[in-house]
Amino acid sequence: MDDLTLIARNQLDDARASAHGRSAHLFLHDGPLRQTVIALTSGSALDEHNAPPAASLQVLHGRVRLTKKSGDQDMIAGQVGPIPHERHGLTALEDCAVLLTAVTEVRRTSG
């Protein structure tokens, strides 16, 4: 059993010590399911990237801005929402830690 509070705290410490102001730890990998805690220092960002087939973002600490063509979305600690099915990025409005839950493959059934 993993402790999200402890993982987030450790990732924030690592991000603060990093020249790039970010750190990530994949702590659950089960088939197509991935859960990763990502920490960013204020002003740091994850550049625009493609979305997985299905994903959500939960803010564990701080404030972030999910940037996307269809309109940016600010999120605060305690909020959770879907990752858009379009290219997007993430900017830390203050030191933050988020939980990214992603499904990397969706199997289609015929029938």
N, C-alpha and C. Protein backbone atom coordinates (compact mmCIF):
# COMPACT_ATOMS: atom_id res chain seq x y z
N MET A 1 0.85 -1.17 0.00
CA MET A 1 0.00 0.00 0.00
C MET A 1 0.90 1.24 0.00
N ASP A 2 0.64 2.15 -0.91
CA ASP A 2 1.43 3.37 -1.00
C ASP A 2 0.76 4.52 -0.25
N ASP A 3 1.56 5.44 0.27
CA ASP A 3 1.09 6.61 0.99
C ASP A 3 1.26 7.82 0.08
N LEU A 4 0.15 8.31 -0.49
CA LEU A 4 0.20 9.43 -1.44
C LEU A 4 0.77 10.69 -0.81
N THR A 5 0.45 10.94 0.43
CA THR A 5 0.97 12.14 1.10
C THR A 5 2.48 12.10 1.18
N LEU A 6 3.03 10.95 1.54
CA LEU A 6 4.48 10.80 1.63
C LEU A 6 5.13 10.88 0.25
N ILE A 7 4.53 10.23 -0.74
CA ILE A 7 5.08 10.29 -2.11
C ILE A 7 5.08 11.73 -2.60
N ALA A 8 3.98 12.45 -2.39
CA ALA A 8 3.89 13.84 -2.84
C ALA A 8 4.94 14.70 -2.15
N ARG A 9 5.11 14.53 -0.85
CA ARG A 9 6.11 15.30 -0.11
C ARG A 9 7.51 15.02 -0.65
N ASN A 10 7.84 13.75 -0.88
CA ASN A 10 9.15 13.39 -1.41
C ASN A 10 9.37 13.95 -2.82
N GLN A 11 8.34 13.91 -3.66
CA GLN A 11 8.48 14.42 -5.02
C GLN A 11 8.63 15.94 -5.01
N LEU A 12 7.93 16.63 -4.09
CA LEU A 12 8.11 18.08 -3.97
C LEU A 12 9.53 18.42 -3.55
N ASP A 13 10.07 17.66 -2.61
CA ASP A 13 11.47 17.88 -2.19
C ASP A 13 12.41 17.67 -3.37
N ASP A 14 12.17 16.61 -4.15
CA ASP A 14 13.01 16.33 -5.32
C ASP A 14 12.88 17.43 -6.38
N ALA A 15 11.65 17.93 -6.59
CA ALA A 15 11.44 19.00 -7.57
C ALA A 15 12.15 20.27 -7.15
N ARG A 16 12.10 20.58 -5.88
CA ARG A 16 12.78 21.79 -5.37
C ARG A 16 14.29 21.68 -5.51
N ALA A 17 14.81 20.46 -5.49
CA ALA A 17 16.26 20.25 -5.63
C ALA A 17 16.69 20.12 -7.09
N SER A 18 15.73 19.98 -8.00
CA SER A 18 16.03 19.79 -9.41
C SER A 18 16.21 21.12 -10.14
N ALA A 19 17.15 21.17 -11.06
CA ALA A 19 17.38 22.37 -11.87
C ALA A 19 16.17 22.68 -12.74
N HIS A 20 15.38 21.66 -13.07
CA HIS A 20 14.21 21.84 -13.94
C HIS A 20 12.92 22.10 -13.15
N GLY A 21 13.00 21.97 -11.83
CA GLY A 21 11.84 22.27 -10.99
C GLY A 21 10.72 21.25 -11.09
N ARG A 22 11.06 20.01 -11.41
CA ARG A 22 10.01 18.99 -11.49
C ARG A 22 10.57 17.62 -11.14
N SER A 23 9.65 16.75 -10.74
CA SER A 23 10.00 15.39 -10.38
C SER A 23 8.76 14.53 -10.55
N ALA A 24 8.95 13.25 -10.87
CA ALA A 24 7.82 12.35 -11.05
C ALA A 24 8.18 10.96 -10.54
N HIS A 25 7.17 10.27 -10.03
CA HIS A 25 7.36 8.90 -9.55
C HIS A 25 6.17 8.05 -9.96
N LEU A 26 6.41 7.08 -10.84
CA LEU A 26 5.40 6.10 -11.23
C LEU A 26 5.36 5.06 -10.12
N PHE A 27 4.25 5.01 -9.38
CA PHE A 27 4.19 4.09 -8.24
C PHE A 27 3.24 2.93 -8.46
N LEU A 28 2.40 2.99 -9.50
CA LEU A 28 1.52 1.87 -9.80
C LEU A 28 1.53 1.64 -11.31
N HIS A 29 1.84 0.42 -11.68
CA HIS A 29 1.88 0.03 -13.10
C HIS A 29 1.25 -1.35 -13.17
N ASP A 30 0.01 -1.39 -13.64
CA ASP A 30 -0.75 -2.63 -13.71
C ASP A 30 -1.38 -2.74 -15.08
N GLY A 31 -0.76 -3.49 -15.98
CA GLY A 31 -1.26 -3.56 -17.35
C GLY A 31 -1.27 -2.18 -17.96
N PRO A 32 -2.42 -1.74 -18.49
CA PRO A 32 -2.48 -0.41 -19.12
C PRO A 32 -2.69 0.73 -18.12
N LEU A 33 -2.84 0.41 -16.83
CA LEU A 33 -3.08 1.43 -15.81
C LEU A 33 -1.77 1.95 -15.24
N ARG A 34 -1.64 3.27 -15.18
CA ARG A 34 -0.46 3.91 -14.60
C ARG A 34 -0.92 5.00 -13.63
N GLN A 35 -0.27 5.06 -12.47
CA GLN A 35 -0.51 6.16 -11.55
C GLN A 35 0.84 6.76 -11.20
N THR A 36 0.93 8.08 -11.39
CA THR A 36 2.18 8.80 -11.22
C THR A 36 1.93 10.06 -10.40
N VAL A 37 2.80 10.29 -9.42
CA VAL A 37 2.78 11.57 -8.70
C VAL A 37 3.82 12.46 -9.38
N ILE A 38 3.39 13.64 -9.78
CA ILE A 38 4.25 14.63 -10.44
C ILE A 38 4.29 15.86 -9.56
N ALA A 39 5.49 16.37 -9.30
CA ALA A 39 5.64 17.60 -8.52
C ALA A 39 6.33 18.64 -9.38
N LEU A 40 5.86 19.88 -9.27
CA LEU A 40 6.42 21.01 -10.00
C LEU A 40 6.60 22.18 -9.03
N THR A 41 7.68 22.91 -9.19
CA THR A 41 7.84 24.13 -8.42
C THR A 41 7.10 25.26 -9.13
N SER A 42 6.77 26.30 -8.40
CA SER A 42 6.03 27.43 -8.96
C SER A 42 6.69 27.95 -10.23
N GLY A 43 5.88 28.06 -11.29
CA GLY A 43 6.38 28.54 -12.57
C GLY A 43 6.91 27.47 -13.49
N SER A 44 7.15 26.27 -12.97
CA SER A 44 7.62 25.16 -13.80
C SER A 44 6.45 24.60 -14.60
N ALA A 45 6.78 23.90 -15.69
CA ALA A 45 5.71 23.39 -16.55
C ALA A 45 6.09 22.08 -17.20
N LEU A 46 5.06 21.36 -17.59
CA LEU A 46 5.20 20.24 -18.49
C LEU A 46 4.71 20.75 -19.84
N ASP A 47 5.59 20.74 -20.83
CA ASP A 47 5.23 21.27 -22.14
C ASP A 47 4.08 20.48 -22.76
N GLU A 48 3.48 21.08 -23.76
CA GLU A 48 2.35 20.47 -24.44
C GLU A 48 2.71 19.05 -24.92
N HIS A 49 1.78 18.12 -24.72
CA HIS A 49 1.99 16.73 -25.11
C HIS A 49 0.63 16.10 -25.42
N ASN A 50 0.68 14.92 -26.04
CA ASN A 50 -0.55 14.21 -26.40
C ASN A 50 -1.18 13.55 -25.18
N ALA A 51 -2.46 13.34 -25.25
CA ALA A 51 -3.20 12.72 -24.16
C ALA A 51 -3.25 11.21 -24.36
N PRO A 52 -3.23 10.44 -23.26
CA PRO A 52 -3.46 9.00 -23.37
C PRO A 52 -4.94 8.75 -23.68
N PRO A 53 -5.32 7.51 -23.97
CA PRO A 53 -6.73 7.23 -24.27
C PRO A 53 -7.70 7.65 -23.17
N ALA A 54 -7.28 7.53 -21.91
CA ALA A 54 -8.13 7.94 -20.79
C ALA A 54 -7.22 8.33 -19.63
N ALA A 55 -7.55 9.45 -18.96
CA ALA A 55 -6.71 9.89 -17.84
C ALA A 55 -7.46 10.91 -16.99
N SER A 56 -7.01 11.00 -15.72
CA SER A 56 -7.52 12.04 -14.83
C SER A 56 -6.35 12.66 -14.09
N LEU A 57 -6.60 13.87 -13.59
CA LEU A 57 -5.60 14.61 -12.83
C LEU A 57 -6.22 15.03 -11.51
N GLN A 58 -5.57 14.69 -10.40
CA GLN A 58 -6.02 15.11 -9.07
C GLN A 58 -4.91 15.94 -8.46
N VAL A 59 -5.27 17.14 -8.00
CA VAL A 59 -4.28 18.01 -7.37
C VAL A 59 -4.19 17.62 -5.89
N LEU A 60 -2.99 17.20 -5.49
CA LEU A 60 -2.75 16.79 -4.11
C LEU A 60 -2.30 17.96 -3.24
N HIS A 61 -1.58 18.90 -3.87
CA HIS A 61 -1.02 20.04 -3.13
C HIS A 61 -0.83 21.20 -4.10
N GLY A 62 -1.18 22.40 -3.70
CA GLY A 62 -0.91 23.58 -4.51
C GLY A 62 -1.97 23.88 -5.56
N ARG A 63 -1.54 24.64 -6.59
CA ARG A 63 -2.43 25.07 -7.68
C ARG A 63 -1.74 24.86 -9.01
N VAL A 64 -2.50 24.43 -10.01
CA VAL A 64 -1.96 24.19 -11.35
C VAL A 64 -2.89 24.79 -12.40
N ARG A 65 -2.35 24.94 -13.59
CA ARG A 65 -3.14 25.34 -14.75
C ARG A 65 -2.96 24.29 -15.83
N LEU A 66 -4.05 23.65 -16.21
CA LEU A 66 -4.06 22.70 -17.32
C LEU A 66 -4.29 23.53 -18.57
N THR A 67 -3.29 23.56 -19.45
CA THR A 67 -3.38 24.40 -20.65
C THR A 67 -3.78 23.54 -21.83
N LYS A 68 -4.73 24.07 -22.61
CA LYS A 68 -5.23 23.34 -23.78
C LYS A 68 -5.84 24.32 -24.76
N LYS A 69 -5.91 23.90 -26.01
CA LYS A 69 -6.42 24.77 -27.07
C LYS A 69 -7.85 25.22 -26.81
N SER A 70 -8.66 24.34 -26.24
CA SER A 70 -10.07 24.67 -26.01
C SER A 70 -10.30 25.55 -24.78
N GLY A 71 -9.22 25.91 -24.06
CA GLY A 71 -9.34 26.80 -22.91
C GLY A 71 -8.64 26.25 -21.68
N ASP A 72 -7.91 27.11 -21.01
CA ASP A 72 -7.17 26.69 -19.83
C ASP A 72 -8.12 26.43 -18.66
N GLN A 73 -7.63 25.60 -17.73
CA GLN A 73 -8.43 25.27 -16.55
C GLN A 73 -7.52 25.29 -15.33
N ASP A 74 -7.83 26.15 -14.36
CA ASP A 74 -7.08 26.19 -13.11
C ASP A 74 -7.69 25.19 -12.14
N MET A 75 -6.81 24.51 -11.37
CA MET A 75 -7.25 23.52 -10.40
C MET A 75 -6.48 23.74 -9.10
N ILE A 76 -7.15 23.45 -7.97
CA ILE A 76 -6.53 23.60 -6.65
C ILE A 76 -6.54 22.25 -5.94
N ALA A 77 -5.78 22.18 -4.84
CA ALA A 77 -5.70 20.95 -4.05
C ALA A 77 -7.09 20.44 -3.71
N GLY A 78 -7.28 19.15 -3.91
CA GLY A 78 -8.56 18.50 -3.63
C GLY A 78 -9.42 18.30 -4.86
N GLN A 79 -9.12 19.02 -5.94
CA GLN A 79 -9.92 18.88 -7.16
C GLN A 79 -9.37 17.76 -8.04
N VAL A 80 -10.28 17.13 -8.76
CA VAL A 80 -9.92 16.08 -9.71
C VAL A 80 -10.76 16.29 -10.97
N GLY A 81 -10.15 16.02 -12.11
CA GLY A 81 -10.87 16.17 -13.37
C GLY A 81 -10.23 15.35 -14.47
N PRO A 82 -10.95 15.20 -15.58
CA PRO A 82 -10.42 14.43 -16.69
C PRO A 82 -9.33 15.19 -17.44
N ILE A 83 -8.40 14.45 -18.01
CA ILE A 83 -7.41 15.02 -18.93
C ILE A 83 -8.10 15.14 -20.28
N PRO A 84 -8.00 16.28 -20.94
CA PRO A 84 -8.69 16.46 -22.22
C PRO A 84 -8.10 15.55 -23.31
N HIS A 85 -8.94 15.19 -24.26
CA HIS A 85 -8.51 14.37 -25.39
C HIS A 85 -7.95 15.25 -26.49
N GLU A 86 -6.99 16.07 -26.14
CA GLU A 86 -6.31 16.98 -27.06
C GLU A 86 -4.93 17.27 -26.47
N ARG A 87 -4.05 17.84 -27.26
CA ARG A 87 -2.74 18.21 -26.74
C ARG A 87 -2.93 19.19 -25.59
N HIS A 88 -2.11 19.04 -24.57
CA HIS A 88 -2.28 19.86 -23.37
C HIS A 88 -0.94 19.96 -22.65
N GLY A 89 -0.87 20.89 -21.71
CA GLY A 89 0.31 21.05 -20.86
C GLY A 89 -0.14 21.32 -19.44
N LEU A 90 0.84 21.45 -18.54
CA LEU A 90 0.53 21.70 -17.14
C LEU A 90 1.54 22.70 -16.60
N THR A 91 1.05 23.76 -15.97
CA THR A 91 1.90 24.79 -15.38
C THR A 91 1.59 24.90 -13.89
N ALA A 92 2.64 24.97 -13.08
CA ALA A 92 2.47 25.14 -11.64
C ALA A 92 2.28 26.62 -11.32
N LEU A 93 1.14 26.96 -10.74
CA LEU A 93 0.88 28.33 -10.30
C LEU A 93 1.52 28.58 -8.94
N GLU A 94 1.80 27.51 -8.22
CA GLU A 94 2.59 27.51 -6.99
C GLU A 94 3.15 26.10 -6.86
N ASP A 95 4.07 25.89 -5.93
CA ASP A 95 4.60 24.54 -5.75
C ASP A 95 3.42 23.58 -5.63
N CYS A 96 3.50 22.46 -6.36
CA CYS A 96 2.34 21.57 -6.42
C CYS A 96 2.77 20.12 -6.59
N ALA A 97 1.83 19.24 -6.26
CA ALA A 97 1.95 17.82 -6.53
C ALA A 97 0.60 17.35 -7.05
N VAL A 98 0.63 16.55 -8.11
CA VAL A 98 -0.60 16.04 -8.71
C VAL A 98 -0.49 14.53 -8.88
N LEU A 99 -1.64 13.90 -8.90
CA LEU A 99 -1.73 12.47 -9.18
C LEU A 99 -2.30 12.31 -10.59
N LEU A 100 -1.49 11.75 -11.48
CA LEU A 100 -1.94 11.45 -12.83
C LEU A 100 -2.30 9.98 -12.89
N THR A 101 -3.55 9.70 -13.22
CA THR A 101 -4.00 8.33 -13.43
C THR A 101 -4.27 8.20 -14.92
N ALA A 102 -3.58 7.26 -15.57
CA ALA A 102 -3.71 7.13 -17.03
C ALA A 102 -3.92 5.68 -17.42
N VAL A 103 -4.75 5.51 -18.43
CA VAL A 103 -4.93 4.21 -19.08
C VAL A 103 -4.27 4.35 -20.44
N THR A 104 -3.25 3.54 -20.69
CA THR A 104 -2.44 3.69 -21.90
C THR A 104 -2.98 2.93 -23.09
N GLU A 105 -3.94 2.06 -22.84
CA GLU A 105 -4.50 1.25 -23.94
C GLU A 105 -5.96 0.96 -23.62
N VAL A 106 -6.80 1.10 -24.62
CA VAL A 106 -8.21 0.75 -24.47
C VAL A 106 -8.50 -0.32 -25.52
N ARG A 107 -8.89 -1.48 -25.03
CA ARG A 107 -9.20 -2.58 -25.95
C ARG A 107 -10.62 -2.46 -26.43
N ARG A 108 -10.78 -2.55 -27.71
CA ARG A 108 -12.12 -2.50 -28.32
C ARG A 108 -12.64 -3.91 -28.45
N THR A 109 -13.88 -4.11 -28.06
CA THR A 109 -14.49 -5.43 -28.23
C THR A 109 -15.43 -5.38 -29.41
N SER A 110 -15.42 -6.41 -30.19
CA SER A 110 -16.36 -6.47 -31.33
C SER A 110 -17.61 -7.20 -30.87
N GLY A 111 -18.68 -6.80 -31.45
CA GLY A 111 -19.83 -7.54 -30.99
C GLY A 111 -21.07 -6.98 -31.46
